[in-house]
C-alpha atoms as a PDB file:
ATOM      1  CA  MET A   1      63.022 100.006 105.233  1.00  0.00           C
ATOM      2  CA  SER A   2      60.487  97.311 104.595  1.00  0.00           C
ATOM      3  CA  ARG A   3      59.545  95.560 100.940  1.00  0.00           C
ATOM      4  CA  LYS A   4      56.399  94.094 102.058  1.00  0.00           C
ATOM      5  CA  ASN A   5      54.130  96.110  99.859  1.00  0.00           C
ATOM      6  CA  VAL A   6      56.227  96.422  96.759  1.00  0.00           C
ATOM      7  CA  GLU A   7      55.467  94.949  93.496  1.00  0.00           C
ATOM      8  CA  ASP A   8      59.180  93.931  92.118  1.00  0.00           C
ATOM      9  CA  GLY A   9      61.658  91.813  93.979  1.00  0.00           C
ATOM     10  CA  PHE A  10      65.439  92.300  94.028  1.00  0.00           C
ATOM     11  CA  PRO A  11      67.172  88.998  94.622  1.00  0.00           C
ATOM     12  CA  ILE A  12      70.668  88.287  95.022  1.00  0.00           C
ATOM     13  CA  ILE A  13      71.552  86.443  91.487  1.00  0.00           C
ATOM     14  CA  GLY A  14      75.363  86.255  91.928  1.00  0.00           C
ATOM     15  CA  VAL A  15      78.155  85.962  94.230  1.00  0.00           C
ATOM     16  CA  GLY A  16      81.853  85.957  94.121  1.00  0.00           C
ATOM     17  CA  HIS A  17      84.917  86.487  95.996  1.00  0.00           C
ATOM     18  CA  HIS A  18      88.690  87.215  95.650  1.00  0.00           C
ATOM     19  CA  LEU A  19      91.448  86.405  98.428  1.00  0.00           C
ATOM     20  CA  PRO A  20      95.303  87.177  98.312  1.00  0.00           C
ATOM     21  CA  ASP A  21      97.606  84.114  97.588  1.00  0.00           C
ATOM     22  CA  ASN A  22      99.629  84.996 100.789  1.00  0.00           C
ATOM     23  CA  PHE A  23      98.376  84.326 104.717  1.00  0.00           C
ATOM     24  CA  ILE A  24      99.769  84.765 107.898  1.00  0.00           C
ATOM     25  CA  THR A  25      99.239  82.407 110.837  1.00  0.00           C
ATOM     26  CA  ASN A  26      99.314  83.041 114.387  1.00  0.00           C
ATOM     27  CA  GLU A  27     102.517  81.391 114.805  1.00  0.00           C
ATOM     28  CA  SER A  28     104.453  83.937 112.400  1.00  0.00           C
ATOM     29  CA  LEU A  29     102.366  86.907 113.598  1.00  0.00           C
ATOM     30  CA  CYS A  30     103.360  86.335 117.291  1.00  0.00           C
ATOM     31  CA  GLU A  31     106.843  86.588 116.282  1.00  0.00           C
ATOM     32  CA  ASN A  32     106.526  90.456 116.488  1.00  0.00           C
ATOM     33  CA  LEU A  33     103.729  90.201 119.338  1.00  0.00           C
ATOM     34  CA  ASP A  34     104.037  89.818 122.993  1.00  0.00           C
ATOM     35  CA  VAL A  35     101.303  87.329 123.020  1.00  0.00           C
ATOM     36  CA  THR A  36     100.803  83.446 122.002  1.00  0.00           C
ATOM     37  CA  PRO A  37      99.171  81.858 119.293  1.00  0.00           C
ATOM     38  CA  GLU A  38      96.598  80.062 121.611  1.00  0.00           C
ATOM     39  CA  TRP A  39      95.591  83.332 123.171  1.00  0.00           C
ATOM     40  CA  ILE A  40      94.822  84.726 119.723  1.00  0.00           C
ATOM     41  CA  GLU A  41      92.488  81.874 118.903  1.00  0.00           C
ATOM     42  CA  HIS A  42      91.176  81.728 122.283  1.00  0.00           C
ATOM     43  CA  LYS A  43      90.128  85.389 122.394  1.00  0.00           C
ATOM     44  CA  THR A  44      89.153  85.692 118.538  1.00  0.00           C
ATOM     45  CA  GLY A  45      88.636  82.166 117.134  1.00  0.00           C
ATOM     46  CA  ILE A  46      91.226  83.472 114.367  1.00  0.00           C
ATOM     47  CA  LYS A  47      93.994  81.058 113.170  1.00  0.00           C
ATOM     48  CA  ARG A  48      95.184  82.945 110.074  1.00  0.00           C
ATOM     49  CA  ARG A  49      94.858  86.009 108.093  1.00  0.00           C
ATOM     50  CA  TYR A  50      95.182  86.523 104.187  1.00  0.00           C
ATOM     51  CA  VAL A  51      97.529  89.647 103.223  1.00  0.00           C
ATOM     52  CA  ALA A  52      97.582  91.202  99.882  1.00  0.00           C
ATOM     53  CA  ALA A  53     101.001  91.139  97.942  1.00  0.00           C
ATOM     54  CA  LYS A  54     103.007  94.261  97.717  1.00  0.00           C
ATOM     55  CA  GLY A  55     101.830  94.754  94.136  1.00  0.00           C
ATOM     56  CA  ASP A  56      98.098  94.012  94.386  1.00  0.00           C
ATOM     57  CA  SER A  57      95.497  96.696  94.216  1.00  0.00           C
ATOM     58  CA  VAL A  58      91.886  96.948  95.664  1.00  0.00           C
ATOM     59  CA  SER A  59      90.503  97.835  92.280  1.00  0.00           C
ATOM     60  CA  GLU A  60      92.156  94.542  91.127  1.00  0.00           C
ATOM     61  CA  TYR A  61      90.488  92.424  93.825  1.00  0.00           C
ATOM     62  CA  CYS A  62      87.090  94.169  93.145  1.00  0.00           C
ATOM     63  CA  LEU A  63      87.563  93.392  89.389  1.00  0.00           C
ATOM     64  CA  SER A  64      88.178  89.560  90.143  1.00  0.00           C
ATOM     65  CA  ALA A  65      85.409  89.315  92.400  1.00  0.00           C
ATOM     66  CA  SER A  66      82.922  90.958  90.208  1.00  0.00           C
ATOM     67  CA  ILE A  67      83.704  88.931  87.454  1.00  0.00           C
ATOM     68  CA  LYS A  68      83.080  85.841  89.316  1.00  0.00           C
ATOM     69  CA  ALA A  69      79.714  87.250  90.617  1.00  0.00           C
ATOM     70  CA  MET A  70      78.624  88.148  87.139  1.00  0.00           C
ATOM     71  CA  ALA A  71      79.596  84.691  85.643  1.00  0.00           C
ATOM     72  CA  LYS A  72      77.160  83.111  88.446  1.00  0.00           C
ATOM     73  CA  ALA A  73      74.656  85.589  87.778  1.00  0.00           C
ATOM     74  CA  GLY A  74      74.817  85.062  83.961  1.00  0.00           C
ATOM     75  CA  ILE A  75      75.277  88.710  83.004  1.00  0.00           C
ATOM     76  CA  SER A  76      77.854  90.813  81.325  1.00  0.00           C
ATOM     77  CA  ALA A  77      79.043  94.489  81.699  1.00  0.00           C
ATOM     78  CA  SER A  78      76.296  95.672  79.355  1.00  0.00           C
ATOM     79  CA  ASP A  79      73.720  94.531  81.917  1.00  0.00           C
ATOM     80  CA  ILE A  80      75.040  96.642  84.981  1.00  0.00           C
ATOM     81  CA  ASP A  81      73.311  99.758  85.592  1.00  0.00           C
ATOM     82  CA  LEU A  82      74.597 100.532  89.261  1.00  0.00           C
ATOM     83  CA  ILE A  83      77.970 100.139  90.620  1.00  0.00           C
ATOM     84  CA  ILE A  84      78.572 100.350  94.681  1.00  0.00           C
ATOM     85  CA  VAL A  85      81.864  99.737  96.007  1.00  0.00           C
ATOM     86  CA  CYS A  86      82.138  99.620 100.012  1.00  0.00           C
ATOM     87  CA  THR A  87      85.724 100.325 101.125  1.00  0.00           C
ATOM     88  CA  PHE A  88      87.875 102.738 103.081  1.00  0.00           C
ATOM     89  CA  ALA A  89      90.993 101.571 101.431  1.00  0.00           C
ATOM     90  CA  GLY A  90      90.367 102.787  97.861  1.00  0.00           C
ATOM     91  CA  ASP A  91      93.430 102.855  95.624  1.00  0.00           C
ATOM     92  CA  TYR A  92      93.603 106.727  95.613  1.00  0.00           C
ATOM     93  CA  VAL A  93      91.712 109.068  98.032  1.00  0.00           C
ATOM     94  CA  PHE A  94      89.617 109.966  94.799  1.00  0.00           C
ATOM     95  CA  PRO A  95      88.531 109.288  92.153  1.00  0.00           C
ATOM     96  CA  PRO A  96      86.295 106.443  93.693  1.00  0.00           C
ATOM     97  CA  VAL A  97      86.988 102.821  93.263  1.00  0.00           C
ATOM     98  CA  SER A  98      83.578 102.304  91.699  1.00  0.00           C
ATOM     99  CA  ALA A  99      84.878 104.373  88.659  1.00  0.00           C
ATOM    100  CA  LYS A 100      88.022 102.192  88.192  1.00  0.00           C
ATOM    101  CA  LEU A 101      85.791  99.186  88.337  1.00  0.00           C
ATOM    102  CA  HIS A 102      83.437 100.763  85.890  1.00  0.00           C
ATOM    103  CA  HIS A 103      86.239 101.154  83.692  1.00  0.00           C
ATOM    104  CA  ASP A 104      87.950  97.925  84.116  1.00  0.00           C
ATOM    105  CA  LEU A 105      84.855  95.874  83.474  1.00  0.00           C
ATOM    106  CA  GLY A 106      83.884  98.003  80.487  1.00  0.00           C
ATOM    107  CA  VAL A 107      80.409  99.207  81.717  1.00  0.00           C
ATOM    108  CA  SER A 108      78.924 101.925  79.549  1.00  0.00           C
ATOM    109  CA  GLY A 109      76.686 104.567  81.504  1.00  0.00           C
ATOM    110  CA  ALA A 110      75.256 103.542  84.581  1.00  0.00           C
ATOM    111  CA  GLN A 111      75.587 104.981  88.316  1.00  0.00           C
ATOM    112  CA  ILE A 112      78.400 104.659  90.494  1.00  0.00           C
ATOM    113  CA  MET A 113      79.344 105.516  94.240  1.00  0.00           C
ATOM    114  CA  ASP A 114      81.716 104.470  97.027  1.00  0.00           C
ATOM    115  CA  ILE A 115      80.496 103.954 100.405  1.00  0.00           C
ATOM    116  CA  SER A 116      82.475 104.167 103.336  1.00  0.00           C
ATOM    117  CA  VAL A 117      80.821 103.003 106.675  1.00  0.00           C
ATOM    118  CA  ASN A 118      83.259 100.341 107.322  1.00  0.00           C
ATOM    119  CA  CYS A 119      82.612  96.887 108.173  1.00  0.00           C
ATOM    120  CA  THR A 120      78.636  97.507 107.709  1.00  0.00           C
ATOM    121  CA  GLY A 121      79.271  98.876 103.953  1.00  0.00           C
ATOM    122  CA  VAL A 122      77.715  95.597 102.150  1.00  0.00           C
ATOM    123  CA  VAL A 123      74.592  95.629 104.520  1.00  0.00           C
ATOM    124  CA  THR A 124      74.163  99.427 103.712  1.00  0.00           C
ATOM    125  CA  GLY A 125      75.222  99.144  99.828  1.00  0.00           C
ATOM    126  CA  LEU A 126      72.490  96.220  99.136  1.00  0.00           C
ATOM    127  CA  THR A 127      69.834  98.512 100.782  1.00  0.00           C
ATOM    128  CA  CYS A 128      70.773 101.430  98.918  1.00  0.00           C
ATOM    129  CA  ALA A 129      71.022  99.546  95.604  1.00  0.00           C
ATOM    130  CA  THR A 130      67.682  97.958  96.300  1.00  0.00           C
ATOM    131  CA  ASP A 131      66.044 101.400  96.895  1.00  0.00           C
ATOM    132  CA  ARG A 132      67.441 102.802  94.127  1.00  0.00           C
ATOM    133  CA  MET A 133      66.002 100.040  92.109  1.00  0.00           C
ATOM    134  CA  SER A 134      62.784 100.085  93.464  1.00  0.00           C
ATOM    135  CA  ASN A 135      62.611 104.149  92.536  1.00  0.00           C
ATOM    136  CA  ASP A 136      64.067 103.561  89.216  1.00  0.00           C
ATOM    137  CA  PRO A 137      62.822 100.686  86.802  1.00  0.00           C
ATOM    138  CA  SER A 138      65.710 101.276  84.510  1.00  0.00           C
ATOM    139  CA  ILE A 139      68.352  99.641  87.039  1.00  0.00           C
ATOM    140  CA  LYS A 140      67.898  96.064  86.126  1.00  0.00           C
ATOM    141  CA  ASN A 141      71.012  94.895  87.816  1.00  0.00           C
ATOM    142  CA  SER A 142      73.468  96.377  90.559  1.00  0.00           C
ATOM    143  CA  LEU A 143      76.827  95.275  91.524  1.00  0.00           C
ATOM    144  CA  VAL A 144      77.815  95.782  95.135  1.00  0.00           C
ATOM    145  CA  VAL A 145      81.353  94.970  96.163  1.00  0.00           C
ATOM    146  CA  GLY A 146      83.097  94.849  99.439  1.00  0.00           C
ATOM    147  CA  ALA A 147      86.776  95.391  99.438  1.00  0.00           C
ATOM    148  CA  GLU A 148      89.556  95.960 102.050  1.00  0.00           C
ATOM    149  CA  PHE A 149      93.413  95.888 102.184  1.00  0.00           C
ATOM    150  CA  CYS A 150      93.118  96.248 105.940  1.00  0.00           C
ATOM    151  CA  THR A 151      96.746  95.210 106.499  1.00  0.00           C
ATOM    152  CA  ARG A 152      98.289  98.150 104.910  1.00  0.00           C
ATOM    153  CA  PHE A 153      97.001 100.219 107.781  1.00  0.00           C
ATOM    154  CA  ILE A 154      97.936  98.159 110.919  1.00  0.00           C
ATOM    155  CA  ASP A 155     101.129  98.052 113.207  1.00  0.00           C
ATOM    156  CA  GLU A 156     102.324  94.350 113.019  1.00  0.00           C
ATOM    157  CA  THR A 157     103.492  94.961 116.721  1.00  0.00           C
ATOM    158  CA  ASP A 158      99.870  96.009 117.815  1.00  0.00           C
ATOM    159  CA  PRO A 159      97.810  93.093 119.157  1.00  0.00           C
ATOM    160  CA  ASN A 160      94.636  95.493 119.081  1.00  0.00           C
ATOM    161  CA  THR A 161      94.620  95.423 115.421  1.00  0.00           C
ATOM    162  CA  ALA A 162      97.176  92.715 113.862  1.00  0.00           C
ATOM    163  CA  ILE A 163      95.658  89.650 115.341  1.00  0.00           C
ATOM    164  CA  PHE A 164      92.348  90.587 113.187  1.00  0.00           C
ATOM    165  CA  LEU A 165      92.903  92.164 109.982  1.00  0.00           C
ATOM    166  CA  SER A 166      93.102  90.863 106.713  1.00  0.00           C
ATOM    167  CA  ASP A 167      92.488  91.576 102.770  1.00  0.00           C
ATOM    168  CA  GLY A 168      90.032  90.470 100.224  1.00  0.00           C
ATOM    169  CA  ALA A 169      86.940  91.500  98.421  1.00  0.00           C
ATOM    170  CA  GLY A 170      83.351  89.951  97.836  1.00  0.00           C
ATOM    171  CA  ALA A 171      81.007  90.964  95.084  1.00  0.00           C
ATOM    172  CA  ILE A 172      77.197  90.379  94.852  1.00  0.00           C
ATOM    173  CA  ILE A 173      74.876  91.024  91.838  1.00  0.00           C
ATOM    174  CA  VAL A 174      71.076  91.932  92.635  1.00  0.00           C
ATOM    175  CA  GLY A 175      68.827  91.697  89.784  1.00  0.00           C
ATOM    176  CA  ARG A 176      64.987  91.747  89.326  1.00  0.00           C
ATOM    177  CA  GLY A 177      62.334  89.242  90.067  1.00  0.00           C
ATOM    178  CA  GLU A 178      59.137  88.531  91.620  1.00  0.00           C
ATOM    179  CA  CYS A 179      58.055  90.401  94.718  1.00  0.00           C
ATOM    180  CA  SER A 180      58.213  87.170  96.892  1.00  0.00           C
ATOM    181  CA  GLU A 181      62.120  87.059  96.050  1.00  0.00           C
ATOM    182  CA  GLY A 182      64.938  89.215  97.484  1.00  0.00           C
ATOM    183  CA  ILE A 183      65.164  91.700  99.805  1.00  0.00           C
ATOM    184  CA  LEU A 184      62.511  91.708 102.313  1.00  0.00           C
ATOM    185  CA  GLY A 185      63.447  94.322 104.917  1.00  0.00           C
ATOM    186  CA  SER A 186      66.329  96.120 106.614  1.00  0.00           C
ATOM    187  CA  ALA A 187      67.050  98.310 109.902  1.00  0.00           C
ATOM    188  CA  PHE A 188      70.097 100.408 110.721  1.00  0.00           C
ATOM    189  CA  TYR A 189      71.232 102.168 113.990  1.00  0.00           C
ATOM    190  CA  THR A 190      74.131 104.466 114.870  1.00  0.00           C
ATOM    191  CA  ASP A 191      75.501 104.855 118.349  1.00  0.00           C
ATOM    192  CA  SER A 192      78.269 107.577 117.873  1.00  0.00           C
ATOM    193  CA  SER A 193      79.210 107.772 121.722  1.00  0.00           C
ATOM    194  CA  ASN A 194      82.118 105.810 120.813  1.00  0.00           C
ATOM    195  CA  TYR A 195      83.266 107.290 117.633  1.00  0.00           C
ATOM    196  CA  GLU A 196      86.988 107.662 118.452  1.00  0.00           C
ATOM    197  CA  SER A 197      87.336 103.787 119.372  1.00  0.00           C
ATOM    198  CA  VAL A 198      88.127 102.514 115.644  1.00  0.00           C
ATOM    199  CA  ARG A 199      89.846 104.856 113.573  1.00  0.00           C
ATOM    200  CA  LEU A 200      92.408 105.640 110.876  1.00  0.00           C
ATOM    201  CA  ARG A 201      93.312 109.513 111.286  1.00  0.00           C
ATOM    202  CA  GLY A 202      96.215 109.914 108.822  1.00  0.00           C
ATOM    203  CA  GLY A 203      95.115 111.069 105.438  1.00  0.00           C
ATOM    204  CA  GLY A 204      91.943 112.799 106.422  1.00  0.00           C
ATOM    205  CA  ALA A 205      91.555 116.582 106.133  1.00  0.00           C
ATOM    206  CA  ARG A 206      92.195 117.113 109.775  1.00  0.00           C
ATOM    207  CA  PHE A 207      95.661 115.127 109.290  1.00  0.00           C
ATOM    208  CA  PRO A 208      96.485 115.805 105.574  1.00  0.00           C
ATOM    209  CA  MET A 209      99.315 113.931 103.973  1.00  0.00           C
ATOM    210  CA  ASN A 210     101.101 116.831 102.865  1.00  0.00           C
ATOM    211  CA  GLY A 211     100.921 118.408 106.388  1.00  0.00           C
ATOM    212  CA  ALA A 212     103.342 118.660 109.348  1.00  0.00           C
ATOM    213  CA  ASP A 213     105.281 115.825 110.391  1.00  0.00           C
ATOM    214  CA  TYR A 214     102.762 113.767 112.474  1.00  0.00           C
ATOM    215  CA  SER A 215     103.262 110.769 114.579  1.00  0.00           C
ATOM    216  CA  PRO A 216     103.258 107.392 112.563  1.00  0.00           C
ATOM    217  CA  ASP A 217     100.331 106.272 114.700  1.00  0.00           C
ATOM    218  CA  ILE A 218      97.798 108.548 112.919  1.00  0.00           C
ATOM    219  CA  TYR A 219      98.645 106.371 110.013  1.00  0.00           C
ATOM    220  CA  ARG A 220      97.819 103.194 111.399  1.00  0.00           C
ATOM    221  CA  MET A 221      94.540 101.740 112.093  1.00  0.00           C
ATOM    222  CA  GLU A 222      93.545 102.085 116.100  1.00  0.00           C
ATOM    223  CA  MET A 223      91.120  99.941 117.691  1.00  0.00           C
ATOM    224  CA  ASN A 224      89.707  99.317 121.234  1.00  0.00           C
ATOM    225  CA  GLY A 225      88.473  95.928 121.093  1.00  0.00           C
ATOM    226  CA  LEU A 226      86.533  96.198 124.438  1.00  0.00           C
ATOM    227  CA  ALA A 227      84.366  99.272 122.965  1.00  0.00           C
ATOM    228  CA  THR A 228      83.979  97.402 119.787  1.00  0.00           C
ATOM    229  CA  TRP A 229      82.790  94.190 121.759  1.00  0.00           C
ATOM    230  CA  LYS A 230      80.052  95.826 123.885  1.00  0.00           C
ATOM    231  CA  GLN A 231      78.758  97.940 120.980  1.00  0.00           C
ATOM    232  CA  ALA A 232      78.344  94.777 118.875  1.00  0.00           C
ATOM    233  CA  ILE A 233      76.795  92.648 121.591  1.00  0.00           C
ATOM    234  CA  THR A 234      74.333  95.573 122.694  1.00  0.00           C
ATOM    235  CA  HIS A 235      73.317  96.945 119.556  1.00  0.00           C
ATOM    236  CA  LEU A 236      73.637  94.181 116.938  1.00  0.00           C
ATOM    237  CA  PRO A 237      70.760  91.824 118.042  1.00  0.00           C
ATOM    238  CA  PRO A 238      68.103  94.551 118.309  1.00  0.00           C
ATOM    239  CA  VAL A 239      69.048  95.715 114.925  1.00  0.00           C
ATOM    240  CA  MET A 240      68.519  92.207 113.842  1.00  0.00           C
ATOM    241  CA  ARG A 241      65.104  91.804 115.412  1.00  0.00           C
ATOM    242  CA  LYS A 242      63.933  95.128 114.052  1.00  0.00           C
ATOM    243  CA  ALA A 243      65.140  94.180 110.060  1.00  0.00           C
ATOM    244  CA  CYS A 244      63.002  90.886 110.956  1.00  0.00           C
ATOM    245  CA  GLU A 245      59.795  92.749 111.976  1.00  0.00           C
ATOM    246  CA  ASN A 246      60.403  95.184 108.714  1.00  0.00           C
ATOM    247  CA  ALA A 247      60.534  91.953 106.735  1.00  0.00           C
ATOM    248  CA  GLY A 248      57.574  90.341 108.460  1.00  0.00           C
ATOM    249  CA  VAL A 249      59.231  87.446 109.856  1.00  0.00           C
ATOM    250  CA  LYS A 250      60.291  86.141 113.329  1.00  0.00           C
ATOM    251  CA  ILE A 251      63.890  85.631 113.943  1.00  0.00           C
ATOM    252  CA  SER A 252      63.444  82.144 114.651  1.00  0.00           C
ATOM    253  CA  GLU A 253      62.064  81.643 111.147  1.00  0.00           C
ATOM    254  CA  VAL A 254      65.294  82.839 109.815  1.00  0.00           C
ATOM    255  CA  ASP A 255      66.891  79.839 108.252  1.00  0.00           C
ATOM    256  CA  PHE A 256      70.697  81.027 107.816  1.00  0.00           C
ATOM    257  CA  PHE A 257      72.727  83.868 109.073  1.00  0.00           C
ATOM    258  CA  ILE A 258      75.805  85.490 107.503  1.00  0.00           C
ATOM    259  CA  PHE A 259      77.550  87.959 109.651  1.00  0.00           C
ATOM    260  CA  HIS A 260      80.395  90.240 109.159  1.00  0.00           C
ATOM    261  CA  GLN A 261      83.523  88.138 109.999  1.00  0.00           C
ATOM    262  CA  ALA A 262      84.786  90.332 113.041  1.00  0.00           C
ATOM    263  CA  ASN A 263      85.611  87.962 115.701  1.00  0.00           C
ATOM    264  CA  LEU A 264      84.387  84.112 115.988  1.00  0.00           C
ATOM    265  CA  ARG A 265      83.665  84.615 119.809  1.00  0.00           C
ATOM    266  CA  MET A 266      81.588  87.561 118.803  1.00  0.00           C
ATOM    267  CA  ILE A 267      79.504  85.717 116.501  1.00  0.00           C
ATOM    268  CA  GLU A 268      79.004  82.882 118.733  1.00  0.00           C
ATOM    269  CA  TYR A 269      77.975  85.220 121.556  1.00  0.00           C
ATOM    270  CA  ILE A 270      75.426  87.143 119.331  1.00  0.00           C
ATOM    271  CA  MET A 271      73.937  83.702 117.939  1.00  0.00           C
ATOM    272  CA  ARG A 272      73.251  82.772 121.634  1.00  0.00           C
ATOM    273  CA  LYS A 273      71.782  85.869 122.673  1.00  0.00           C
ATOM    274  CA  SER A 274      69.514  85.791 119.799  1.00  0.00           C
ATOM    275  CA  ARG A 275      68.699  82.318 120.681  1.00  0.00           C
ATOM    276  CA  VAL A 276      69.576  80.594 117.422  1.00  0.00           C
ATOM    277  CA  SER A 277      71.587  77.673 117.040  1.00  0.00           C
ATOM    278  CA  GLU A 278      75.240  78.005 115.347  1.00  0.00           C
ATOM    279  CA  SER A 279      74.451  75.606 112.690  1.00  0.00           C
ATOM    280  CA  LYS A 280      72.213  78.478 111.043  1.00  0.00           C
ATOM    281  CA  THR A 281      75.585  80.230 110.231  1.00  0.00           C
ATOM    282  CA  TYR A 282      78.634  79.879 108.169  1.00  0.00           C
ATOM    283  CA  THR A 283      81.851  81.367 109.408  1.00  0.00           C
ATOM    284  CA  ASN A 284      85.176  81.474 107.897  1.00  0.00           C
ATOM    285  CA  VAL A 285      86.807  84.282 110.340  1.00  0.00           C
ATOM    286  CA  ALA A 286      89.114  81.405 111.799  1.00  0.00           C
ATOM    287  CA  ASP A 287      90.888  80.785 108.228  1.00  0.00           C
ATOM    288  CA  VAL A 288      90.429  84.134 106.714  1.00  0.00           C
ATOM    289  CA  GLY A 289      90.311  86.661 109.305  1.00  0.00           C
ATOM    290  CA  ASN A 290      88.580  90.110 109.593  1.00  0.00           C
ATOM    291  CA  SER A 291      88.557  91.811 105.902  1.00  0.00           C
ATOM    292  CA  GLY A 292      86.335  94.724 106.863  1.00  0.00           C
ATOM    293  CA  ALA A 293      83.518  95.463 104.499  1.00  0.00           C
ATOM    294  CA  ALA A 294      84.862  92.436 102.446  1.00  0.00           C
ATOM    295  CA  SER A 295      84.225  89.748 104.950  1.00  0.00           C
ATOM    296  CA  LEU A 296      80.312  89.329 104.671  1.00  0.00           C
ATOM    297  CA  PRO A 297      80.357  88.999 100.885  1.00  0.00           C
ATOM    298  CA  ILE A 298      83.283  86.633 100.801  1.00  0.00           C
ATOM    299  CA  ALA A 299      81.369  84.449 103.662  1.00  0.00           C
ATOM    300  CA  LEU A 300      78.273  84.816 101.772  1.00  0.00           C
ATOM    301  CA  SER A 301      80.172  83.521  98.632  1.00  0.00           C
ATOM    302  CA  GLU A 302      81.945  80.641 100.301  1.00  0.00           C
ATOM    303  CA  ALA A 303      78.539  79.547 101.750  1.00  0.00           C
ATOM    304  CA  CYS A 304      76.876  79.445  98.425  1.00  0.00           C
ATOM    305  CA  GLU A 305      79.985  77.600  97.122  1.00  0.00           C
ATOM    306  CA  LYS A 306      79.202  75.134  99.898  1.00  0.00           C
ATOM    307  CA  ASN A 307      75.725  74.675  99.082  1.00  0.00           C
ATOM    308  CA  LEU A 308      74.688  75.642 102.482  1.00  0.00           C
ATOM    309  CA  ILE A 309      71.914  78.238 101.552  1.00  0.00           C
ATOM    310  CA  LYS A 310      68.998  76.856  99.698  1.00  0.00           C
ATOM    311  CA  ASN A 311      66.444  77.958  97.148  1.00  0.00           C
ATOM    312  CA  GLY A 312      63.506  79.254  99.127  1.00  0.00           C
ATOM    313  CA  ASP A 313      65.398  80.018 102.454  1.00  0.00           C
ATOM    314  CA  VAL A 314      65.036  83.280 104.256  1.00  0.00           C
ATOM    315  CA  VAL A 315      68.661  84.735 105.083  1.00  0.00           C
ATOM    316  CA  LEU A 316      69.931  87.487 107.248  1.00  0.00           C
ATOM    317  CA  LEU A 317      72.843  89.531 106.784  1.00  0.00           C
ATOM    318  CA  ALA A 318      74.550  91.570 109.714  1.00  0.00           C
ATOM    319  CA  ALA A 319      77.207  93.696 110.435  1.00  0.00           C
ATOM    320  CA  VAL A 320      78.806  96.613 112.804  1.00  0.00           C
ATOM    321  CA  GLY A 321      81.069  99.107 111.589  1.00  0.00           C
ATOM    322  CA  ALA A 322      83.139 101.838 113.018  1.00  0.00           C
ATOM    323  CA  GLY A 323      81.526 105.057 114.167  1.00  0.00           C
ATOM    324  CA  PHE A 324      79.518 102.693 115.554  1.00  0.00           C
ATOM    325  CA  ASN A 325      76.833 101.826 112.970  1.00  0.00           C
ATOM    326  CA  PHE A 326      74.741  98.743 112.845  1.00  0.00           C
ATOM    327  CA  GLY A 327      73.032  97.329 109.885  1.00  0.00           C
ATOM    328  CA  ALA A 328      70.881  93.936 109.170  1.00  0.00           C
ATOM    329  CA  SER A 329      68.799  92.977 105.968  1.00  0.00           C
ATOM    330  CA  VAL A 330      66.384  89.800 105.512  1.00  0.00           C
ATOM    331  CA  TRP A 331      66.279  88.309 102.115  1.00  0.00           C
ATOM    332  CA  GLN A 332      64.196  85.441 100.497  1.00  0.00           C
ATOM    333  CA  TRP A 333      66.914  83.421  98.668  1.00  0.00           C
ATOM    334  CA  GLN A 334      66.497  82.560  95.292  1.00  0.00           C
ATOM    335  CA  SER A 335      68.686  80.220  93.469  1.00  0.00           C
END
């Protein structure tokens, strides 16, 4: 997708996030694992991960993050024309979380949708939003939210998942602006050869919740870390370069990078492979953990709070999700 020849621009005008009050350190996590805190940090860079309280809900986190993003953007519920929620962990199987968020915000009319492409959700959602906006002039502002309660679906004794995953939500408002502002280009790629490597089977139509007595394992997230690593380092750098090509910029001209916060070592490797200084990115995975589709907008929100992204910067967002699917988009930042 390229926006080089489109009259309107679609800038990010507000971001916000919400994290749980509670977190789990490596030390406490290792009480249930046959690994050490030092091993976890060496392999992943993660020191702690946030965990939602028992009574918390994904929709509440979406609402909190959205209100903060709307405040930054200077808009109200009456200004929102499109809501996209990116999650695999909605409050219910259906209706979609976007409908609950629509209700809780008090939005009138508008379009809603949920997107489930796991950790690539927000990159996908932002591109869907800008595509819709370019085709429908009545959409003035879009709300894109990434939210996950990953810890509700893990086995605390499984080091393949427990050491990584966390909970949270991040929200992004896309508005209208000059053609030089906002999204410049995006790119996506899918390699489904390792489809089964990261999965949650229970609750799907193949393993319905009202079906036979299945093994407890099907209701827990399963992840092949090595397959995920190989997929990410193989396919994400080319997708990043393709997004830059579609945007009409070189990767060396990108001022700042925000990644899905899967694994600090993975981010470091991809930055080195792309021949980009690590000073051009912000990571929070060490203290926040991997919150799936929520992790990229949370990192973006924190980077903005720290004033790490300047007006006029070229910003690249990139993520890899289960399946495996890869996405990157390039933005002219307007603050």
